Protein backbone atom coordinates (compact mmCIF):
# COMPACT_ATOMS: atom_id res chain seq x y z
CA MET A 1 -57.36 -77.75 29.81
CA THR A 2 -55.22 -78.66 32.89
CA LYS A 3 -53.54 -75.91 35.36
CA VAL A 4 -50.44 -76.71 33.96
CA THR A 5 -51.52 -76.32 30.19
CA ARG A 6 -53.41 -73.06 31.24
CA ALA A 7 -50.29 -71.53 33.45
CA ARG A 8 -48.01 -72.21 30.34
CA ARG A 9 -50.47 -70.44 28.00
CA GLN A 10 -50.34 -67.54 30.57
CA VAL A 11 -46.77 -67.67 30.69
CA ARG A 12 -46.36 -67.74 26.61
CA LEU A 13 -48.97 -64.78 26.39
CA SER A 14 -47.27 -62.73 28.90
CA ARG A 15 -44.03 -62.98 27.13
CA ALA A 16 -45.91 -61.95 23.82
CA LEU A 17 -47.44 -58.93 25.00
CA GLY A 18 -44.52 -57.67 27.20
CA ILE A 19 -46.40 -58.11 30.71
CA ALA A 20 -46.57 -60.39 33.34
CA LEU A 21 -50.22 -61.73 33.97
CA THR A 22 -49.72 -64.24 36.67
CA PRO A 23 -47.42 -64.54 39.45
CA LYS A 24 -45.58 -67.33 37.85
CA ALA A 25 -45.54 -65.46 34.58
CA VAL A 26 -43.44 -62.92 36.42
CA ARG A 27 -40.51 -65.52 37.45
CA HIS A 28 -40.59 -66.82 34.00
CA PHE A 29 -40.66 -63.28 32.52
CA GLU A 30 -37.59 -62.20 34.64
CA LYS A 31 -35.45 -65.09 32.94
CA ARG A 32 -36.62 -64.54 29.62
CA PRO A 33 -37.91 -61.10 29.00
CA TYR A 34 -38.48 -61.27 25.26
CA PRO A 35 -41.38 -62.80 23.03
CA PRO A 36 -41.55 -66.29 22.55
CA GLY A 37 -40.51 -68.28 19.74
CA GLU A 38 -37.03 -69.00 17.89
CA HIS A 39 -36.82 -65.00 16.67
CA GLY A 40 -38.05 -63.84 19.95
CA ARG A 41 -34.66 -62.44 21.12
CA ALA A 42 -34.48 -60.48 17.53
CA ARG A 43 -35.09 -56.95 17.09
CA ARG A 44 -38.52 -56.05 16.12
CA ARG A 45 -39.10 -54.39 12.90
CA THR A 46 -40.59 -51.05 13.05
CA GLU A 47 -44.59 -51.86 13.56
CA SER A 48 -47.43 -50.24 12.03
CA ASP A 49 -49.94 -47.81 13.89
CA TYR A 50 -52.55 -50.80 13.64
CA ALA A 51 -49.94 -53.28 15.22
CA VAL A 52 -49.55 -51.04 18.12
CA ARG A 53 -53.03 -50.44 18.75
CA LEU A 54 -53.86 -54.09 18.58
CA ARG A 55 -51.30 -55.13 20.98
CA GLU A 56 -52.77 -52.37 23.48
CA LYS A 57 -56.10 -53.85 23.13
CA GLN A 58 -54.61 -57.39 23.58
CA ARG A 59 -52.75 -56.53 26.65
CA LEU A 60 -55.77 -54.57 28.41
CA ARG A 61 -58.18 -57.56 27.34
CA ALA A 62 -55.68 -60.02 28.72
CA GLN A 63 -55.12 -58.59 32.14
CA TYR A 64 -59.17 -58.83 32.87
CA ALA A 65 -58.96 -62.11 30.84
CA LEU A 66 -62.01 -61.51 28.63
CA ARG A 67 -63.05 -62.54 25.18
CA GLU A 68 -62.71 -60.43 22.26
CA LYS A 69 -66.69 -60.17 22.12
CA GLN A 70 -66.93 -59.06 25.86
CA MET A 71 -64.35 -56.57 25.39
CA ALA A 72 -66.18 -55.07 22.25
CA ARG A 73 -69.15 -55.09 24.42
CA ALA A 74 -67.47 -53.01 27.14
CA PHE A 75 -66.01 -50.39 24.90
CA GLU A 76 -69.37 -49.94 23.17
CA ALA A 77 -70.98 -49.26 26.82
CA ALA A 78 -68.02 -46.86 27.46
CA LYS A 79 -68.63 -44.83 23.93
CA LYS A 80 -72.28 -44.39 24.83
CA ALA A 81 -71.60 -43.25 28.60
CA PRO A 82 -71.00 -39.48 29.07
CA GLY A 83 -67.39 -38.73 29.53
CA GLN A 84 -64.31 -39.76 28.31
CA THR A 85 -64.16 -43.52 26.25
CA GLY A 86 -61.01 -44.19 27.63
CA GLU A 87 -61.78 -43.53 31.17
CA ASN A 88 -65.07 -44.76 31.10
CA LEU A 89 -63.82 -48.22 29.53
CA VAL A 90 -61.21 -48.72 32.34
CA GLU A 91 -64.03 -47.99 35.11
CA ILE A 92 -66.29 -50.36 33.40
CA LEU A 93 -63.85 -53.50 33.23
CA GLU A 94 -62.25 -52.58 36.86
CA THR A 95 -65.89 -52.43 38.39
CA ARG A 96 -66.69 -56.09 37.18
CA LEU A 97 -67.28 -58.27 40.06
CA ASP A 98 -64.02 -60.33 39.07
CA ALA A 99 -61.73 -57.65 38.78
CA LEU A 100 -62.77 -56.48 42.49
CA VAL A 101 -62.51 -59.73 43.90
CA LEU A 102 -58.70 -59.76 42.76
CA ARG A 103 -57.94 -56.42 43.62
CA ALA A 104 -59.31 -57.18 47.28
CA GLY A 105 -57.22 -59.95 47.73
CA PHE A 106 -59.54 -62.60 48.07
CA ALA A 107 -58.02 -64.53 45.00
CA ARG A 108 -54.10 -64.61 43.54
CA THR A 109 -54.84 -64.09 39.52
CA MET A 110 -58.07 -62.83 37.35
CA LEU A 111 -58.86 -66.67 36.38
CA GLN A 112 -58.88 -67.59 39.90
CA ALA A 113 -61.03 -64.57 41.05
CA ARG A 114 -63.82 -65.54 38.32
CA GLN A 115 -63.86 -69.04 39.42
CA VAL A 116 -64.57 -68.08 42.91
CA VAL A 117 -67.41 -65.95 41.70
CA VAL A 118 -68.85 -68.52 39.25
CA HIS A 119 -68.76 -71.00 42.02
CA ARG A 120 -71.21 -68.83 44.28
CA HIS A 121 -68.93 -67.87 46.77
CA VAL A 122 -69.65 -64.05 46.87
CA LEU A 123 -71.76 -61.79 48.23
CA VAL A 124 -72.90 -58.52 46.93
CA ASP A 125 -74.96 -56.42 49.55
CA GLY A 126 -75.78 -60.13 51.17
CA LYS A 127 -77.20 -61.92 47.68
CA ILE A 128 -75.10 -64.43 45.82
CA VAL A 129 -73.83 -63.19 42.82
CA ASP A 130 -72.29 -65.51 40.10
CA ARG A 131 -71.68 -63.29 37.10
CA PRO A 132 -68.30 -62.19 36.71
CA SER A 133 -69.15 -59.40 34.69
CA PHE A 134 -71.42 -58.01 37.25
CA GLN A 135 -71.17 -54.15 37.66
CA VAL A 136 -70.77 -53.32 41.30
CA LYS A 137 -71.72 -49.72 42.21
CA PRO A 138 -69.97 -47.28 44.53
CA GLY A 139 -71.31 -47.91 48.25
CA GLN A 140 -72.09 -51.79 47.42
CA THR A 141 -70.41 -54.47 49.54
CA LEU A 142 -68.78 -57.70 48.46
CA GLN A 143 -67.93 -60.50 50.69
CA ILE A 144 -66.83 -64.21 50.56
CA LYS A 145 -69.55 -65.65 52.22
CA PRO A 146 -69.57 -66.99 55.46
CA ARG A 147 -70.33 -71.07 55.06
CA SER A 148 -67.17 -70.70 52.09
CA GLN A 149 -64.83 -68.36 54.70
CA THR A 150 -64.04 -71.85 56.43
CA SER A 151 -62.41 -73.51 53.84
CA ALA A 152 -58.47 -73.49 53.14
CA GLN A 153 -58.15 -71.27 50.28
CA PHE A 154 -60.27 -68.41 51.67
CA GLN A 155 -58.47 -68.52 55.20
CA VAL A 156 -55.13 -68.52 53.20
CA ALA A 157 -56.69 -65.32 51.40
CA ALA A 158 -57.86 -63.79 54.73
CA ALA A 159 -53.87 -64.08 56.19
CA GLY A 160 -52.89 -61.97 53.44
CA ALA A 161 -51.07 -64.53 51.82
CA HIS A 162 -52.07 -63.18 48.14
CA ARG A 163 -51.05 -59.18 48.98
CA ASP A 164 -47.15 -60.28 48.02
CA VAL A 165 -47.85 -60.89 44.48
CA LEU A 166 -50.65 -58.13 44.03
CA PRO A 167 -50.50 -54.31 43.83
CA ALA A 168 -51.38 -52.26 46.61
CA VAL A 169 -55.12 -51.90 47.34
CA PRO A 170 -56.85 -49.03 45.19
CA GLY A 171 -58.07 -46.01 46.88
CA TYR A 172 -61.78 -46.83 45.54
CA LEU A 173 -61.78 -49.92 47.60
CA ASP A 174 -62.23 -50.18 51.46
CA VAL A 175 -60.75 -54.04 52.08
CA GLN A 176 -61.31 -55.73 55.57
CA LEU A 177 -59.17 -58.80 54.44
CA GLU A 178 -59.44 -60.60 57.64
CA LYS A 179 -63.50 -60.38 57.48
CA LEU A 180 -62.99 -61.14 53.49
CA SER A 181 -65.50 -58.09 52.78
CA ALA A 182 -65.06 -54.76 50.71
CA VAL A 183 -66.72 -51.76 49.82
CA LEU A 184 -66.57 -49.99 46.40
CA LEU A 185 -66.11 -46.79 47.93
CA ARG A 186 -66.25 -44.54 44.56
CA ARG A 187 -65.64 -44.85 41.14
CA PRO A 188 -62.21 -45.78 40.14
CA LEU A 189 -60.04 -43.27 38.07
CA ARG A 190 -57.90 -44.64 35.59
CA ALA A 191 -54.47 -43.31 37.10
CA GLU A 192 -55.48 -45.47 40.22
CA VAL A 193 -56.30 -48.75 38.47
CA PRO A 194 -53.37 -51.40 38.28
CA VAL A 195 -53.10 -52.23 34.69
CA THR A 196 -50.59 -51.83 32.11
CA CYS A 197 -51.78 -50.19 28.82
CA GLU A 198 -52.32 -46.94 26.91
CA VAL A 199 -55.74 -46.96 26.99
CA GLN A 200 -56.16 -44.06 24.35
CA LEU A 201 -54.62 -46.34 21.62
CA VAL A 202 -57.39 -48.85 22.57
CA VAL A 203 -60.05 -46.43 22.04
CA GLU A 204 -58.34 -45.77 18.66
CA PHE A 205 -58.40 -49.34 17.79
CA TYR A 206 -61.90 -49.56 18.14
CA SER A 207 -62.82 -46.12 16.38
CA ARG A 208 -61.01 -46.95 13.33
């Protein structure tokens, strides 16, 4: 799949879900803030409870660019952990390595962050980790490896070029952008996580 095709798919998905998933989608969404297709402008019929819950689940999954199997696995882990399932689910998703690479500003989109990890550019506590799903623990440091930092894409990131399209750095991350380094200080709280989703509806979807 080409970059152009992937970008178009993300724009279309953004319009279908009612949220902008990429910086490019933000611009398109501002021009056409309604679902794609010939009936996109028409008023929606009253949706069933199932449809509402499904859309929230799809929204959350899309913001982390996960496959359904990955999302379902995260939910099962959240359900088994102590505490509220919804809070646990967001914490599990947000402490994935690819998500933290994005939040730190080392990449511009979630898909780009995933690519950065898979291509072995990221160290966790000094060791290369190439699994986007790797669960970072409080106190651990993630960093773009020194050899990669000299490349143009990371020089751009270190200069703060992605900050104009990303949410503010959340309180659970301590980022030294010029060093392309970040520390997960503590467990994220749902209220701090910059995702658009009614998480309780996602819990209800999987619990049906």
